[in-house]
Each structure stands twice: as structure tokens, then as C-alpha cells.
């Protein structure tokens, strides 16, 4: 009688997704739990505790936003070229963890600014290889669901992190020593994330041919390029989440209630991301992406006319749904379009959209200074144009896809 063969980790499933993808979800959950606990109080720490000006805070946040996508193309390219995903993801997560130790060792304006930028560089370096890694392990018929589950686990950390920070500050007070305690505690889940990552199985990809990194984009398919152009256009509609919180404050929400809206947005993301992934697997991800643009258009128009608190709450729920598509299904769509150079494709997508966010933020800020409704109107117009342009393409990813 023969012994039953052990099922490889790459083929085992948990809650309907590959076991390794589920473990990557735990890694992302622990990392976001750590990061969001710090990010939720970082502006207060920088300005109130360290005495930074609002202008300096804006500069640090602007550089951090760009840093979060600055290395995507580089990491994605090298992960495709070597066929390795885990080593680059490991480096990115470890980099972010080490960055958090900066706040514990020294509490100065320079160290705080350095932490914010360096931590985001780690995020950028791990993003494309990790998403390509997820794609290599996902059942193609459940790719959207797999990405959705991973992003939901990621955002679950973004819900619990700020809540944990709130209770620590409420219990110990808003002193410099309390912030140091918070940063020390936040380092623990970040370190655990790196440890868990050691145990995640890898399915190495076939290395791509040696080619110049800066011309690798030219070898990507026309379907991806059309979506790439659409995403670049749509990125011009971007405005900081802070504007949505400011709108809520202007409508009448108290400051502490505004922070709860941020948690509500993340809860909406966590609940809907897996469901939208499953829906995308069923009706086609091209249809889901088209819905994303319409949701953003509706949200922008809603914020123009919203005057009641219940309307703001509903719009934050819609924003969570939109973001669930944007963060998870866009990656699944790209891996449908690019079968071999997925790391490169995700990397160049993240890098370019992150680059467009810089002028988009400037435009939104300028329009907001004239009239807040102008910023929302501009976002709505751009999303409508992006929707039409997206439909003008003949992209097909799977035989049964709609649109």
C-alpha cells in the first residue's frame, strides 16, 4: 500500500485561494497593521511633537507618494529578468521594517522625514514582484478573487492599525514618549511579516531574455499599452484622500468622526474586494475596470452636491468599492494582458501612474483653492474621458469577457 503524496504548498488552498497567496495576505496584513498605525498619527507627530510646518509636512508627503511607486519598474523588470519574485518581495518588506526602526532610534525632523520616504521606497520595491508572484500562483479562473482576497487582508491591517494607535494614545496620552512606545509596538508586526514571508512557497518564473530595461516597455503587448494609456489619463483625476476628509469636515463632521470615516472606507474595501474579484472572474475584468471609471465619476459628482452627513457616509462607502477595484482588479487585468512579463508590466504601470499623481495633486490643490467643487468636477470629467477611451480599445483578456 503506497503512502499518499503530500500536496505541494503551491497547490494547497485556504478559503478558496492558493495557500501561498493566503500567506502573502497575512504578510501584507501584518505590514499594513504596522504602517497604518504609524501613518494615522504621523502628521500629528511631525507637526505637534517635532514642530514641523504644514509646508514641510506637505513636501514630505509629496516625496513619499512619489517614492511609493518610484522603484516599481526597476523591481518588476529585474524580477522578470531573473524569474525570481520572492527575493525582491523579501527585500522590499525588510527595507520597510528597517525604516520603522529609524523612529525608535532618533526622533528628529530629518529622521521622521527619512522614515516616511524610505518606508515608501520599500513598498515600491516589493509591489510589482509580489503581484507578479501572486499571479503565477493563482488559478487563472480565480485570479480576480485571489487578488481581491489578498488586498482585503492587506486593508484589514489598515482598519486595525489606526484603531490600535487611537487606543494607545488615548491610554497613554499624546506625549513624545507615547509616540515612541507606539512606534516600538508597530515594529513587532512588521518584523513578524518578514518572518512569515520566509515560509511562503515560490513558483519561480521563466527568466526573460536579457534586454535593456528602458526598452523593455516596447515589447509589451498592444492590449496592455492601451490600458496603460487609459490609466495614465485616468490618473490625472486623482486627488488626495485628505480632500475627501476635508469635505466631510466642511459638511459638519467633527474631527474625531472624520477619522472614523477613514476606517469606514477601509471596511468597505475589505468587504467588497473579494466579492468584486469573484464578480470580475465571472463577467470579465474589462467590464469591472469600466465600472471602476463610472464609480469614480459618480463619486465626484456626489461630492459636489452632498450636503448631508448620510450622503458623505454613502460616498465613502462608494470610494471603498472603487478603490477595491483600482487596487486589486487592475493588477489582475494586467496579468491577463501580459502572460510573460507580468513584473515589468505591473512595474511600469505603477511607476507611471504614480508619476502622474504628482501633477494631478497640484492641479487638484489649485482647483480646490478656487472652489472645492472645481476639483471634484475636474476629476469627474477626466474619469468620463478615460471611460470612453478605454471602451475604444479592442482589448480582450479571456474568451468569455464582456464589453
Foldseek 3Di string as FASTA:
>chain_A
DDDDDDDDQLPDDDPRWRNLLVLLLLLLLLLLLLVLLCVVCLVVCLCVVQNDDPVVVVVLVLLLLLLLQACLLVLLQVCQQVLHQLVQLLQLLVQLLVLLCLCLVDRHNVSSSSSSNRNSNSNNRNPLSVLVQRVVSTDLLLQQLSLLQSVLSNLVSNLNNNVVSVVLCVVPPDHSVSSSVSSVVSSVSSVVSSVSSVVRDTDGADRDDDDDSVCVVVPADPLLVLVLVLLLLLLLLDEDPVLLLVLLVVLPDDPVVSVVLVSLLSVLLSVCLSVLSNVCSVANLLVVVLVLLVLLLVLLVLSLPDNDNVSSSVSSSSNSNSVSCVSGSVLSVQCLRDVRSSSNSVSVSSNSSSVSNSVSHVVQVVLVVVPNSSSSVVSNVSSVVSSVSSVVDPDDRDPNHDD
